[in-house]
Every structure is written in C-alpha cells, then in structure tokens.
Amino acid sequence: MDNRSAYLMDYISKAIVHPDASGFEVLELLDIRSRLASREPLLDEPSKARLEELDRQLLGMSSIWLERISRVARLAEMRRRCHVLPSHWWWYLGEIASAKRKVAAAQ
C-alpha cells in the first residue's frame, strides 16, 4: 500500500473510535473516505480487508454520525455541493439509517 492510502486509512481508523466527533469532523471523515475510494485499486489484499472492516464500523455508526451531521448541515445538500458519486455510500447515512429502522421494525 502506498503512503497516502495508508495515511488516509489510518485517519479513518482513528476517527471511527471517536463517536463523540462533531458534525464537521464527521463530514471530514466522509470526505477522506471518498478520497480513499479513488485509491482502492492501489490497495493490496490485506489493505482491502482492513478497509472493509473500517467500512463495517462506519456503517455501524451511521445513525450516530447522521445525528451529529444534522446539527451542522443537511447531508443531502452537502452531497449535492460536493458532487458526490452515488457509489460513495458513506455519504448516504440518512438512507442507511432509515433502511436499518425499517428492517428492525419488520423483525
């Protein structure tokens, strides 16, 4: 793995263990995950596995981080302003949280 990808992945790893992050910090985390997305083809297999684990953790915190972001910005507006690609699922925390609630209600 190249140094830049390692730096970005380390940043995400450290940020995920701080659920008390501000909305601005969470937006920065989403931006960094997007930067890392363009570098995914450069990752070796162990790095891809690590990124998948980080993504699972990020996904698990979607409701918490959506609440933090909503204090400082509208996530849909931020996606539009930043021209976020639909494949960057981490920018769709509202939709993810809503889907989780529907699944939980159906059980």
PDB file of N, CA and C in Angstrom:
ATOM      1  N   MET A   1       0.850  -1.177   0.000  1.00  0.00           N
ATOM      2  CA  MET A   1       0.000   0.000   0.000  1.00  0.00           C
ATOM      3  C   MET A   1       0.892   1.235   0.000  1.00  0.00           C
ATOM      4  N   ASP A   2       0.498   2.218  -0.777  1.00  0.00           N
ATOM      5  CA  ASP A   2       1.286   3.449  -0.835  1.00  0.00           C
ATOM      6  C   ASP A   2       1.075   4.281   0.430  1.00  0.00           C
ATOM      7  N   ASN A   3       1.963   5.224   0.667  1.00  0.00           N
ATOM      8  CA  ASN A   3       1.940   6.023   1.894  1.00  0.00           C
ATOM      9  C   ASN A   3       0.668   6.857   2.038  1.00  0.00           C
ATOM     10  N   ARG A   4       0.193   7.430   0.948  1.00  0.00           N
ATOM     11  CA  ARG A   4      -1.007   8.277   1.020  1.00  0.00           C
ATOM     12  C   ARG A   4      -2.232   7.450   1.415  1.00  0.00           C
ATOM     13  N   SER A   5      -2.383   6.296   0.798  1.00  0.00           N
ATOM     14  CA  SER A   5      -3.504   5.417   1.146  1.00  0.00           C
ATOM     15  C   SER A   5      -3.408   4.980   2.603  1.00  0.00           C
ATOM     16  N   ALA A   6      -2.212   4.657   3.056  1.00  0.00           N
ATOM     17  CA  ALA A   6      -2.013   4.248   4.447  1.00  0.00           C
ATOM     18  C   ALA A   6      -2.395   5.381   5.392  1.00  0.00           C
ATOM     19  N   TYR A   7      -2.000   6.609   5.049  1.00  0.00           N
ATOM     20  CA  TYR A   7      -2.347   7.771   5.876  1.00  0.00           C
ATOM     21  C   TYR A   7      -3.859   7.944   5.964  1.00  0.00           C
ATOM     22  N   LEU A   8      -4.538   7.874   4.817  1.00  0.00           N
ATOM     23  CA  LEU A   8      -5.990   8.054   4.791  1.00  0.00           C
ATOM     24  C   LEU A   8      -6.694   6.960   5.593  1.00  0.00           C
ATOM     25  N   MET A   9      -6.219   5.733   5.449  1.00  0.00           N
ATOM     26  CA  MET A   9      -6.823   4.629   6.180  1.00  0.00           C
ATOM     27  C   MET A   9      -6.577   4.773   7.683  1.00  0.00           C
ATOM     28  N   ASP A  10      -5.402   5.201   8.073  1.00  0.00           N
ATOM     29  CA  ASP A  10      -5.117   5.426   9.492  1.00  0.00           C
ATOM     30  C   ASP A  10      -6.006   6.528  10.061  1.00  0.00           C
ATOM     31  N   TYR A  11      -6.232   7.574   9.272  1.00  0.00           N
ATOM     32  CA  TYR A  11      -7.112   8.664   9.712  1.00  0.00           C
ATOM     33  C   TYR A  11      -8.512   8.132   9.982  1.00  0.00           C
ATOM     34  N   ILE A  12      -9.037   7.351   9.046  1.00  0.00           N
ATOM     35  CA  ILE A  12     -10.374   6.779   9.213  1.00  0.00           C
ATOM     36  C   ILE A  12     -10.414   5.875  10.444  1.00  0.00           C
ATOM     37  N   SER A  13      -9.395   5.058  10.603  1.00  0.00           N
ATOM     38  CA  SER A  13      -9.318   4.137  11.738  1.00  0.00           C
ATOM     39  C   SER A  13      -9.375   4.887  13.064  1.00  0.00           C
ATOM     40  N   LYS A  14      -8.658   5.988  13.161  1.00  0.00           N
ATOM     41  CA  LYS A  14      -8.640   6.781  14.396  1.00  0.00           C
ATOM     42  C   LYS A  14      -9.959   7.514  14.593  1.00  0.00           C
ATOM     43  N   ALA A  15     -10.545   8.009  13.522  1.00  0.00           N
ATOM     44  CA  ALA A  15     -11.796   8.766  13.626  1.00  0.00           C
ATOM     45  C   ALA A  15     -12.958   7.883  14.061  1.00  0.00           C
ATOM     46  N   ILE A  16     -12.971   6.648  13.612  1.00  0.00           N
ATOM     47  CA  ILE A  16     -14.084   5.747  13.912  1.00  0.00           C
ATOM     48  C   ILE A  16     -14.199   5.461  15.406  1.00  0.00           C
ATOM     49  N   VAL A  17     -13.110   5.490  16.129  1.00  0.00           N
ATOM     50  CA  VAL A  17     -13.170   5.191  17.560  1.00  0.00           C
ATOM     51  C   VAL A  17     -13.590   6.397  18.394  1.00  0.00           C
ATOM     52  N   HIS A  18     -13.980   7.477  17.740  1.00  0.00           N
ATOM     53  CA  HIS A  18     -14.426   8.687  18.438  1.00  0.00           C
ATOM     54  C   HIS A  18     -15.866   9.016  18.056  1.00  0.00           C
ATOM     55  N   PRO A  19     -16.829   8.295  18.639  1.00  0.00           N
ATOM     56  CA  PRO A  19     -18.225   8.552  18.290  1.00  0.00           C
ATOM     57  C   PRO A  19     -18.723   9.918  18.752  1.00  0.00           C
ATOM     58  N   ASP A  20     -17.917  10.607  19.556  1.00  0.00           N
ATOM     59  CA  ASP A  20     -18.295  11.932  20.029  1.00  0.00           C
ATOM     60  C   ASP A  20     -17.837  13.040  19.084  1.00  0.00           C
ATOM     61  N   ALA A  21     -17.413  12.674  17.884  1.00  0.00           N
ATOM     62  CA  ALA A  21     -16.936  13.651  16.907  1.00  0.00           C
ATOM     63  C   ALA A  21     -18.045  14.638  16.562  1.00  0.00           C
ATOM     64  N   SER A  22     -17.641  15.849  16.241  1.00  0.00           N
ATOM     65  CA  SER A  22     -18.613  16.865  15.827  1.00  0.00           C
ATOM     66  C   SER A  22     -19.095  16.561  14.409  1.00  0.00           C
ATOM     67  N   GLY A  23     -20.177  17.203  14.021  1.00  0.00           N
ATOM     68  CA  GLY A  23     -20.690  17.044  12.662  1.00  0.00           C
ATOM     69  C   GLY A  23     -19.674  17.436  11.612  1.00  0.00           C
ATOM     70  N   PHE A  24     -18.910  18.479  11.895  1.00  0.00           N
ATOM     71  CA  PHE A  24     -17.878  18.913  10.945  1.00  0.00           C
ATOM     72  C   PHE A  24     -16.795  17.840  10.793  1.00  0.00           C
ATOM     73  N   GLU A  25     -16.428  17.216  11.919  1.00  0.00           N
ATOM     74  CA  GLU A  25     -15.425  16.157  11.870  1.00  0.00           C
ATOM     75  C   GLU A  25     -15.941  14.941  11.103  1.00  0.00           C
ATOM     76  N   VAL A  26     -17.213  14.642  11.259  1.00  0.00           N
ATOM     77  CA  VAL A  26     -17.790  13.508  10.534  1.00  0.00           C
ATOM     78  C   VAL A  26     -17.819  13.819   9.035  1.00  0.00           C
ATOM     79  N   LEU A  27     -18.167  15.035   8.670  1.00  0.00           N
ATOM     80  CA  LEU A  27     -18.141  15.413   7.250  1.00  0.00           C
ATOM     81  C   LEU A  27     -16.732  15.272   6.686  1.00  0.00           C
ATOM     82  N   GLU A  28     -15.741  15.647   7.468  1.00  0.00           N
ATOM     83  CA  GLU A  28     -14.353  15.487   7.031  1.00  0.00           C
ATOM     84  C   GLU A  28     -14.022  14.006   6.840  1.00  0.00           C
ATOM     85  N   LEU A  29     -14.508  13.172   7.750  1.00  0.00           N
ATOM     86  CA  LEU A  29     -14.292  11.732   7.636  1.00  0.00           C
ATOM     87  C   LEU A  29     -14.903  11.198   6.336  1.00  0.00           C
ATOM     88  N   LEU A  30     -16.110  11.630   6.010  1.00  0.00           N
ATOM     89  CA  LEU A  30     -16.753  11.188   4.776  1.00  0.00           C
ATOM     90  C   LEU A  30     -15.954  11.629   3.554  1.00  0.00           C
ATOM     91  N   ASP A  31     -15.433  12.840   3.613  1.00  0.00           N
ATOM     92  CA  ASP A  31     -14.606  13.341   2.515  1.00  0.00           C
ATOM     93  C   ASP A  31     -13.328  12.516   2.367  1.00  0.00           C
ATOM     94  N   ILE A  32     -12.710  12.180   3.474  1.00  0.00           N
ATOM     95  CA  ILE A  32     -11.488  11.379   3.429  1.00  0.00           C
ATOM     96  C   ILE A  32     -11.793   9.981   2.905  1.00  0.00           C
ATOM     97  N   ARG A  33     -12.934   9.420   3.285  1.00  0.00           N
ATOM     98  CA  ARG A  33     -13.302   8.102   2.746  1.00  0.00           C
ATOM     99  C   ARG A  33     -13.481   8.191   1.226  1.00  0.00           C
ATOM    100  N   SER A  34     -14.013   9.302   0.742  1.00  0.00           N
ATOM    101  CA  SER A  34     -14.150   9.486  -0.702  1.00  0.00           C
ATOM    102  C   SER A  34     -12.794   9.587  -1.385  1.00  0.00           C
ATOM    103  N   ARG A  35     -11.859  10.262  -0.751  1.00  0.00           N
ATOM    104  CA  ARG A  35     -10.509  10.331  -1.326  1.00  0.00           C
ATOM    105  C   ARG A  35      -9.876   8.947  -1.392  1.00  0.00           C
ATOM    106  N   LEU A  36     -10.127   8.164  -0.370  1.00  0.00           N
ATOM    107  CA  LEU A  36      -9.577   6.809  -0.345  1.00  0.00           C
ATOM    108  C   LEU A  36     -10.240   5.922  -1.406  1.00  0.00           C
ATOM    109  N   ALA A  37     -11.484   6.179  -1.711  1.00  0.00           N
ATOM    110  CA  ALA A  37     -12.196   5.371  -2.712  1.00  0.00           C
ATOM    111  C   ALA A  37     -11.478   5.390  -4.059  1.00  0.00           C
ATOM    112  N   SER A  38     -10.943   6.533  -4.434  1.00  0.00           N
ATOM    113  CA  SER A  38     -10.243   6.616  -5.723  1.00  0.00           C
ATOM    114  C   SER A  38      -8.919   5.863  -5.702  1.00  0.00           C
ATOM    115  N   ARG A  39      -8.445   5.521  -4.516  1.00  0.00           N
ATOM    116  CA  ARG A  39      -7.168   4.828  -4.378  1.00  0.00           C
ATOM    117  C   ARG A  39      -7.345   3.326  -4.155  1.00  0.00           C
ATOM    118  N   GLU A  40      -8.583   2.862  -4.051  1.00  0.00           N
ATOM    119  CA  GLU A  40      -8.833   1.447  -3.770  1.00  0.00           C
ATOM    120  C   GLU A  40      -8.149   0.501  -4.749  1.00  0.00           C
ATOM    121  N   PRO A  41      -8.064   0.826  -6.044  1.00  0.00           N
ATOM    122  CA  PRO A  41      -7.368  -0.102  -6.951  1.00  0.00           C
ATOM    123  C   PRO A  41      -5.889  -0.298  -6.603  1.00  0.00           C
ATOM    124  N   LEU A  42      -5.316   0.622  -5.845  1.00  0.00           N
ATOM    125  CA  LEU A  42      -3.907   0.526  -5.465  1.00  0.00           C
ATOM    126  C   LEU A  42      -3.682  -0.354  -4.230  1.00  0.00           C
ATOM    127  N   LEU A  43      -4.758  -0.715  -3.549  1.00  0.00           N
ATOM    128  CA  LEU A  43      -4.630  -1.452  -2.293  1.00  0.00           C
ATOM    129  C   LEU A  43      -4.338  -2.925  -2.530  1.00  0.00           C
ATOM    130  N   ASP A  44      -3.476  -3.477  -1.679  1.00  0.00           N
ATOM    131  CA  ASP A  44      -3.238  -4.921  -1.716  1.00  0.00           C
ATOM    132  C   ASP A  44      -4.359  -5.621  -0.939  1.00  0.00           C
ATOM    133  N   GLU A  45      -4.387  -6.930  -0.972  1.00  0.00           N
ATOM    134  CA  GLU A  45      -5.486  -7.686  -0.351  1.00  0.00           C
ATOM    135  C   GLU A  45      -5.635  -7.423   1.152  1.00  0.00           C
ATOM    136  N   PRO A  46      -4.552  -7.425   1.942  1.00  0.00           N
ATOM    137  CA  PRO A  46      -4.722  -7.129   3.373  1.00  0.00           C
ATOM    138  C   PRO A  46      -5.287  -5.719   3.615  1.00  0.00           C
ATOM    139  N   SER A  47      -4.886  -4.772   2.796  1.00  0.00           N
ATOM    140  CA  SER A  47      -5.391  -3.400   2.943  1.00  0.00           C
ATOM    141  C   SER A  47      -6.861  -3.321   2.567  1.00  0.00           C
ATOM    142  N   LYS A  48      -7.261  -4.063   1.544  1.00  0.00           N
ATOM    143  CA  LYS A  48      -8.676  -4.100   1.165  1.00  0.00           C
ATOM    144  C   LYS A  48      -9.509  -4.706   2.283  1.00  0.00           C
ATOM    145  N   ALA A  49      -8.990  -5.737   2.915  1.00  0.00           N
ATOM    146  CA  ALA A  49      -9.698  -6.360   4.039  1.00  0.00           C
ATOM    147  C   ALA A  49      -9.821  -5.378   5.206  1.00  0.00           C
ATOM    148  N   ARG A  50      -8.769  -4.634   5.452  1.00  0.00           N
ATOM    149  CA  ARG A  50      -8.812  -3.624   6.528  1.00  0.00           C
ATOM    150  C   ARG A  50      -9.843  -2.553   6.200  1.00  0.00           C
ATOM    151  N   LEU A  51      -9.878  -2.114   4.965  1.00  0.00           N
ATOM    152  CA  LEU A  51     -10.844  -1.098   4.565  1.00  0.00           C
ATOM    153  C   LEU A  51     -12.277  -1.622   4.699  1.00  0.00           C
ATOM    154  N   GLU A  52     -12.502  -2.865   4.347  1.00  0.00           N
ATOM    155  CA  GLU A  52     -13.834  -3.455   4.508  1.00  0.00           C
ATOM    156  C   GLU A  52     -14.256  -3.450   5.974  1.00  0.00           C
ATOM    157  N   GLU A  53     -13.316  -3.748   6.868  1.00  0.00           N
ATOM    158  CA  GLU A  53     -13.629  -3.718   8.300  1.00  0.00           C
ATOM    159  C   GLU A  53     -13.931  -2.283   8.750  1.00  0.00           C
ATOM    160  N   LEU A  54     -13.165  -1.324   8.292  1.00  0.00           N
ATOM    161  CA  LEU A  54     -13.433   0.073   8.633  1.00  0.00           C
ATOM    162  C   LEU A  54     -14.803   0.496   8.110  1.00  0.00           C
ATOM    163  N   ASP A  55     -15.150   0.052   6.915  1.00  0.00           N
ATOM    164  CA  ASP A  55     -16.465   0.372   6.349  1.00  0.00           C
ATOM    165  C   ASP A  55     -17.586  -0.235   7.196  1.00  0.00           C
ATOM    166  N   ARG A  56     -17.398  -1.464   7.690  1.00  0.00           N
ATOM    167  CA  ARG A  56     -18.405  -2.086   8.557  1.00  0.00           C
ATOM    168  C   ARG A  56     -18.598  -1.265   9.833  1.00  0.00           C
ATOM    169  N   GLN A  57     -17.493  -0.787  10.381  1.00  0.00           N
ATOM    170  CA  GLN A  57     -17.575   0.031  11.589  1.00  0.00           C
ATOM    171  C   GLN A  57     -18.267   1.358  11.292  1.00  0.00           C
ATOM    172  N   LEU A  58     -17.912   1.958  10.179  1.00  0.00           N
ATOM    173  CA  LEU A  58     -18.536   3.220   9.778  1.00  0.00           C
ATOM    174  C   LEU A  58     -20.040   3.019   9.596  1.00  0.00           C
ATOM    175  N   LEU A  59     -20.398   1.944   8.949  1.00  0.00           N
ATOM    176  CA  LEU A  59     -21.806   1.620   8.728  1.00  0.00           C
ATOM    177  C   LEU A  59     -22.537   1.436  10.057  1.00  0.00           C
ATOM    178  N   GLY A  60     -21.893   0.795  10.997  1.00  0.00           N
ATOM    179  CA  GLY A  60     -22.499   0.578  12.304  1.00  0.00           C
ATOM    180  C   GLY A  60     -22.777   1.852  13.071  1.00  0.00           C
ATOM    181  N   MET A  61     -22.067   2.901  12.763  1.00  0.00           N
ATOM    182  CA  MET A  61     -22.235   4.178  13.459  1.00  0.00           C
ATOM    183  C   MET A  61     -23.075   5.172  12.656  1.00  0.00           C
ATOM    184  N   SER A  62     -23.713   4.726  11.604  1.00  0.00           N
ATOM    185  CA  SER A  62     -24.413   5.634  10.694  1.00  0.00           C
ATOM    186  C   SER A  62     -25.449   6.501  11.402  1.00  0.00           C
ATOM    187  N   SER A  63     -26.214   5.946  12.303  1.00  0.00           N
ATOM    188  CA  SER A  63     -27.250   6.737  12.993  1.00  0.00           C
ATOM    189  C   SER A  63     -26.641   7.820  13.873  1.00  0.00           C
ATOM    190  N   ILE A  64     -25.597   7.460  14.585  1.00  0.00           N
ATOM    191  CA  ILE A  64     -24.933   8.423  15.473  1.00  0.00           C
ATOM    192  C   ILE A  64     -24.353   9.574  14.653  1.00  0.00           C
ATOM    193  N   TRP A  65     -23.648   9.215  13.588  1.00  0.00           N
ATOM    194  CA  TRP A  65     -23.000  10.262  12.808  1.00  0.00           C
ATOM    195  C   TRP A  65     -23.974  11.100  12.008  1.00  0.00           C
ATOM    196  N   LEU A  66     -25.073  10.524  11.594  1.00  0.00           N
ATOM    197  CA  LEU A  66     -26.095  11.304  10.913  1.00  0.00           C
ATOM    198  C   LEU A  66     -26.647  12.365  11.854  1.00  0.00           C
ATOM    199  N   GLU A  67     -26.866  11.976  13.097  1.00  0.00           N
ATOM    200  CA  GLU A  67     -27.367  12.936  14.083  1.00  0.00           C
ATOM    201  C   GLU A  67     -26.366  14.071  14.289  1.00  0.00           C
ATOM    202  N   ARG A  68     -25.082  13.744  14.337  1.00  0.00           N
ATOM    203  CA  ARG A  68     -24.048  14.772  14.517  1.00  0.00           C
ATOM    204  C   ARG A  68     -24.000  15.716  13.315  1.00  0.00           C
ATOM    205  N   ILE A  69     -24.065  15.160  12.134  1.00  0.00           N
ATOM    206  CA  ILE A  69     -24.030  15.991  10.926  1.00  0.00           C
ATOM    207  C   ILE A  69     -25.246  16.902  10.885  1.00  0.00           C
ATOM    208  N   SER A  70     -26.413  16.369  11.265  1.00  0.00           N
ATOM    209  CA  SER A  70     -27.643  17.165  11.175  1.00  0.00           C
ATOM    210  C   SER A  70     -27.592  18.404  12.064  1.00  0.00           C
ATOM    211  N   ARG A  71     -26.721  18.439  13.031  1.00  0.00           N
ATOM    212  CA  ARG A  71     -26.549  19.621  13.880  1.00  0.00           C
ATOM    213  C   ARG A  71     -25.862  20.769  13.145  1.00  0.00           C
ATOM    214  N   VAL A  72     -25.103  20.428  12.097  1.00  0.00           N
ATOM    215  CA  VAL A  72     -24.307  21.475  11.436  1.00  0.00           C
ATOM    216  C   VAL A  72     -24.610  21.641   9.947  1.00  0.00           C
ATOM    217  N   ALA A  73     -25.270  20.650   9.330  1.00  0.00           N
ATOM    218  CA  ALA A  73     -25.508  20.732   7.882  1.00  0.00           C
ATOM    219  C   ALA A  73     -26.581  19.740   7.475  1.00  0.00           C
ATOM    220  N   ARG A  74     -27.095  19.953   6.273  1.00  0.00           N
ATOM    221  CA  ARG A  74     -28.010  18.981   5.665  1.00  0.00           C
ATOM    222  C   ARG A  74     -27.166  18.086   4.766  1.00  0.00           C
ATOM    223  N   LEU A  75     -27.155  16.801   5.074  1.00  0.00           N
ATOM    224  CA  LEU A  75     -26.285  15.873   4.358  1.00  0.00           C
ATOM    225  C   LEU A  75     -26.613  15.830   2.864  1.00  0.00           C
ATOM    226  N   ALA A  76     -27.881  15.859   2.518  1.00  0.00           N
ATOM    227  CA  ALA A  76     -28.257  15.845   1.094  1.00  0.00           C
ATOM    228  C   ALA A  76     -27.697  17.070   0.372  1.00  0.00           C
ATOM    229  N   GLU A  77     -27.716  18.204   1.032  1.00  0.00           N
ATOM    230  CA  GLU A  77     -27.154  19.428   0.444  1.00  0.00           C
ATOM    231  C   GLU A  77     -25.641  19.316   0.285  1.00  0.00           C
ATOM    232  N   MET A  78     -24.992  18.736   1.280  1.00  0.00           N
ATOM    233  CA  MET A  78     -23.539  18.564   1.200  1.00  0.00           C
ATOM    234  C   MET A  78     -23.171  17.625   0.046  1.00  0.00           C
ATOM    235  N   ARG A  79     -23.954  16.552  -0.140  1.00  0.00           N
ATOM    236  CA  ARG A  79     -23.714  15.647  -1.268  1.00  0.00           C
ATOM    237  C   ARG A  79     -23.815  16.395  -2.586  1.00  0.00           C
ATOM    238  N   ARG A  80     -24.846  17.225  -2.697  1.00  0.00           N
ATOM    239  CA  ARG A  80     -25.049  17.972  -3.939  1.00  0.00           C
ATOM    240  C   ARG A  80     -23.890  18.945  -4.175  1.00  0.00           C
ATOM    241  N   ARG A  81     -23.521  19.681  -3.159  1.00  0.00           N
ATOM    242  CA  ARG A  81     -22.431  20.661  -3.283  1.00  0.00           C
ATOM    243  C   ARG A  81     -21.095  20.015  -3.651  1.00  0.00           C
ATOM    244  N   CYS A  82     -20.860  18.843  -3.099  1.00  0.00           N
ATOM    245  CA  CYS A  82     -19.581  18.159  -3.308  1.00  0.00           C
ATOM    246  C   CYS A  82     -19.598  17.225  -4.516  1.00  0.00           C
ATOM    247  N   HIS A  83     -20.736  17.168  -5.209  1.00  0.00           N
ATOM    248  CA  HIS A  83     -20.861  16.302  -6.393  1.00  0.00           C
ATOM    249  C   HIS A  83     -20.467  14.860  -6.063  1.00  0.00           C
ATOM    250  N   VAL A  84     -21.038  14.364  -4.991  1.00  0.00           N
ATOM    251  CA  VAL A  84     -20.724  13.020  -4.504  1.00  0.00           C
ATOM    252  C   VAL A  84     -21.256  11.970  -5.478  1.00  0.00           C
ATOM    253  N   LEU A  85     -20.429  11.006  -5.760  1.00  0.00           N
ATOM    254  CA  LEU A  85     -20.828   9.895  -6.628  1.00  0.00           C
ATOM    255  C   LEU A  85     -21.811   8.977  -5.903  1.00  0.00           C
ATOM    256  N   PRO A  86     -22.792   8.444  -6.600  1.00  0.00           N
ATOM    257  CA  PRO A  86     -23.731   7.521  -5.948  1.00  0.00           C
ATOM    258  C   PRO A  86     -23.051   6.288  -5.348  1.00  0.00           C
ATOM    259  N   SER A  87     -21.917   5.895  -5.890  1.00  0.00           N
ATOM    260  CA  SER A  87     -21.198   4.732  -5.363  1.00  0.00           C
ATOM    261  C   SER A  87     -20.556   4.990  -4.002  1.00  0.00           C
ATOM    262  N   HIS A  88     -20.505   6.221  -3.577  1.00  0.00           N
ATOM    263  CA  HIS A  88     -19.917   6.572  -2.278  1.00  0.00           C
ATOM    264  C   HIS A  88     -21.004   6.497  -1.209  1.00  0.00           C
ATOM    265  N   TRP A  89     -21.360   5.283  -0.847  1.00  0.00           N
ATOM    266  CA  TRP A  89     -22.480   5.006   0.034  1.00  0.00           C
ATOM    267  C   TRP A  89     -22.365   5.714   1.385  1.00  0.00           C
ATOM    268  N   TRP A  90     -21.169   5.986   1.852  1.00  0.00           N
ATOM    269  CA  TRP A  90     -20.958   6.607   3.170  1.00  0.00           C
ATOM    270  C   TRP A  90     -21.542   8.011   3.235  1.00  0.00           C
ATOM    271  N   TRP A  91     -21.843   8.612   2.105  1.00  0.00           N
ATOM    272  CA  TRP A  91     -22.488   9.923   2.086  1.00  0.00           C
ATOM    273  C   TRP A  91     -24.008   9.808   2.181  1.00  0.00           C
ATOM    274  N   TYR A  92     -24.529   8.606   2.293  1.00  0.00           N
ATOM    275  CA  TYR A  92     -25.973   8.374   2.326  1.00  0.00           C
ATOM    276  C   TYR A  92     -26.396   7.816   3.682  1.00  0.00           C
ATOM    277  N   LEU A  93     -25.871   8.399   4.754  1.00  0.00           N
ATOM    278  CA  LEU A  93     -26.140   7.906   6.096  1.00  0.00           C
ATOM    279  C   LEU A  93     -27.619   7.965   6.452  1.00  0.00           C
ATOM    280  N   GLY A  94     -28.327   8.983   5.970  1.00  0.00           N
ATOM    281  CA  GLY A  94     -29.757   9.097   6.249  1.00  0.00           C
ATOM    282  C   GLY A  94     -30.529   7.932   5.669  1.00  0.00           C
ATOM    283  N   GLU A  95     -30.212   7.594   4.443  1.00  0.00           N
ATOM    284  CA  GLU A  95     -30.885   6.488   3.784  1.00  0.00           C
ATOM    285  C   GLU A  95     -30.532   5.158   4.463  1.00  0.00           C
ATOM    286  N   ILE A  96     -29.283   5.028   4.889  1.00  0.00           N
ATOM    287  CA  ILE A  96     -28.850   3.811   5.574  1.00  0.00           C
ATOM    288  C   ILE A  96     -29.566   3.684   6.911  1.00  0.00           C
ATOM    289  N   ALA A  97     -29.627   4.765   7.673  1.00  0.00           N
ATOM    290  CA  ALA A  97     -30.305   4.733   8.971  1.00  0.00           C
ATOM    291  C   ALA A  97     -31.785   4.415   8.805  1.00  0.00           C
ATOM    292  N   SER A  98     -32.405   4.972   7.779  1.00  0.00           N
ATOM    293  CA  SER A  98     -33.819   4.712   7.514  1.00  0.00           C
ATOM    294  C   SER A  98     -34.037   3.235   7.168  1.00  0.00           C
ATOM    295  N   ALA A  99     -33.170   2.681   6.359  1.00  0.00           N
ATOM    296  CA  ALA A  99     -33.288   1.266   5.997  1.00  0.00           C
ATOM    297  C   ALA A  99     -33.104   0.377   7.222  1.00  0.00           C
ATOM    298  N   LYS A 100     -32.175   0.745   8.094  1.00  0.00           N
ATOM    299  CA  LYS A 100     -31.959  -0.035   9.328  1.00  0.00           C
ATOM    300  C   LYS A 100     -33.219  -0.015  10.200  1.00  0.00           C
ATOM    301  N   ARG A 101     -33.865   1.145  10.300  1.00  0.00           N
ATOM    302  CA  ARG A 101     -35.074   1.248  11.103  1.00  0.00           C
ATOM    303  C   ARG A 101     -36.198   0.372  10.526  1.00  0.00           C
ATOM    304  N   LYS A 102     -36.316   0.362   9.198  1.00  0.00           N
ATOM    305  CA  LYS A 102     -37.351  -0.452   8.552  1.00  0.00           C
ATOM    306  C   LYS A 102     -37.106  -1.941   8.784  1.00  0.00           C
ATOM    307  N   VAL A 103     -35.861  -2.356   8.705  1.00  0.00           N
ATOM    308  CA  VAL A 103     -35.535  -3.757   8.946  1.00  0.00           C
ATOM    309  C   VAL A 103     -35.838  -4.123  10.397  1.00  0.00           C
ATOM    310  N   ALA A 104     -35.443  -3.259  11.312  1.00  0.00           N
ATOM    311  CA  ALA A 104     -35.686  -3.529  12.741  1.00  0.00           C
ATOM    312  C   ALA A 104     -37.179  -3.588  13.041  1.00  0.00           C
ATOM    313  N   ALA A 105     -37.962  -2.727  12.409  1.00  0.00           N
ATOM    314  CA  ALA A 105     -39.410  -2.703  12.644  1.00  0.00           C
ATOM    315  C   ALA A 105     -40.084  -3.951  12.075  1.00  0.00           C
ATOM    316  N   ALA A 106     -39.521  -4.494  11.017  1.00  0.00           N
ATOM    317  CA  ALA A 106     -40.106  -5.672  10.381  1.00  0.00           C
ATOM    318  C   ALA A 106     -39.805  -6.961  11.131  1.00  0.00           C
ATOM    319  N   GLN A 107     -38.863  -6.905  12.034  1.00  0.00           N
ATOM    320  CA  GLN A 107     -38.475  -8.131  12.759  1.00  0.00           C
ATOM    321  C   GLN A 107     -39.319  -8.370  13.963  1.00  0.00           C
TER     322      GLN A 107
END
